[in-house]
Amino acid sequence: ITDSSNGKMYIGSSIGEEMIFGRWKSYIKNGNGGNVELKKISLDHIKQNFRYSILEIFKSTMDDRTILERENWWKELFLTRKFGYNRN
């Protein structure tokens, strides 16, 4: 997720039975998907400024650990813990 108003990014992964569909449903529900830093941002700001991208796709048979390792790799690549919305 990129906040077009300030360039900050958030990287998240989708695991579990519904994978990306489940993840996107949670963002549609409240705009923040339950993420601590995103909860601090108003829904209006999210609707107006957030842009969503898929960086990588895995088969549903991929183990969760590998997916979470790749999520971490993307966070490191884009420095989203230092300059973005990721805290973990």
Protein backbone atom coordinates (compact mmCIF):
# COMPACT_ATOMS: atom_id res chain seq x y z
CA ILE A 1 0.00 0.00 0.00
CA THR A 2 1.34 3.44 -0.90
CA ASP A 3 0.02 6.64 0.63
CA SER A 4 0.13 9.04 -2.31
CA SER A 5 -0.05 12.06 -0.01
CA ASN A 6 3.32 11.41 1.63
CA GLY A 7 4.97 8.43 -0.10
CA LYS A 8 4.81 6.20 2.98
CA MET A 9 4.29 2.52 2.28
CA TYR A 10 2.89 -0.51 4.08
CA ILE A 11 3.79 -4.09 3.18
CA GLY A 12 1.56 -6.97 4.24
CA SER A 13 1.14 -10.61 3.32
CA SER A 14 -1.89 -12.82 2.94
CA ILE A 15 -1.88 -16.29 4.39
CA GLY A 16 -4.59 -18.66 5.49
CA GLU A 17 -7.49 -20.25 3.73
CA GLU A 18 -8.73 -17.17 1.84
CA MET A 19 -5.28 -15.73 1.15
CA ILE A 20 -5.46 -12.42 -0.74
CA PHE A 21 -9.26 -12.43 -0.93
CA GLY A 22 -9.47 -12.54 2.86
CA ARG A 23 -6.87 -9.82 3.21
CA TRP A 24 -8.65 -7.46 0.83
CA LYS A 25 -12.01 -8.11 2.53
CA SER A 26 -10.52 -6.88 5.80
CA TYR A 27 -9.31 -3.65 4.15
CA ILE A 28 -12.69 -3.04 2.55
CA LYS A 29 -14.39 -3.52 5.93
CA ASN A 30 -12.57 -0.72 7.80
CA GLY A 31 -9.77 0.62 5.60
CA ASN A 32 -6.97 -0.53 7.90
CA GLY A 33 -7.17 -4.31 7.99
CA GLY A 34 -6.50 -4.17 11.72
CA ASN A 35 -2.97 -2.81 11.31
CA VAL A 36 -1.80 -0.67 14.25
CA GLU A 37 -0.27 2.19 12.26
CA LEU A 38 -3.04 2.28 9.68
CA LYS A 39 -5.67 2.54 12.44
CA LYS A 40 -4.25 6.00 13.22
CA ILE A 41 -5.28 7.25 9.76
CA SER A 42 -8.80 8.41 8.97
CA LEU A 43 -10.92 6.33 6.60
CA ASP A 44 -11.42 9.40 4.39
CA HIS A 45 -7.64 9.82 4.05
CA ILE A 46 -7.27 6.13 3.20
CA LYS A 47 -10.00 6.27 0.56
CA GLN A 48 -8.52 9.37 -1.07
CA ASN A 49 -4.81 8.56 -0.91
CA PHE A 50 -4.07 4.85 -0.62
CA ARG A 51 -2.98 2.92 -3.71
CA TYR A 52 -2.82 -0.86 -3.59
CA SER A 53 -0.34 -3.08 -5.44
CA ILE A 54 0.35 -6.80 -5.48
CA LEU A 55 4.10 -7.40 -5.32
CA GLU A 56 4.15 -11.18 -5.47
CA ILE A 57 1.72 -14.07 -5.85
CA PHE A 58 2.06 -17.54 -4.34
CA LYS A 59 0.07 -20.70 -4.81
CA SER A 60 -2.19 -21.63 -1.91
CA THR A 61 0.03 -24.67 -1.32
CA MET A 62 3.02 -22.49 -0.38
CA ASP A 63 3.90 -22.77 3.29
CA ASP A 64 3.12 -19.75 5.48
CA ARG A 65 6.71 -19.41 6.70
CA THR A 66 8.00 -18.81 3.18
CA ILE A 67 5.32 -16.18 2.54
CA LEU A 68 6.14 -14.38 5.79
CA GLU A 69 9.86 -14.47 4.96
CA ARG A 70 9.13 -12.83 1.60
CA GLU A 71 6.96 -10.21 3.31
CA ASN A 72 9.92 -9.39 5.54
CA TRP A 73 12.21 -9.19 2.49
CA TRP A 74 9.89 -6.65 0.83
CA LYS A 75 9.74 -4.59 4.04
CA GLU A 76 13.53 -4.49 4.12
CA LEU A 77 13.75 -3.60 0.42
CA PHE A 78 11.31 -0.68 0.69
CA LEU A 79 12.40 0.38 4.21
CA THR A 80 8.79 0.42 5.35
CA ARG A 81 9.69 -0.01 9.01
CA LYS A 82 11.90 3.06 9.00
CA PHE A 83 10.01 5.32 6.61
CA GLY A 84 6.57 3.72 6.26
CA TYR A 85 3.68 2.27 8.20
CA ASN A 86 5.16 -1.11 9.17
CA ARG A 87 6.15 -1.62 12.81
CA ASN A 88 6.83 -5.36 12.81
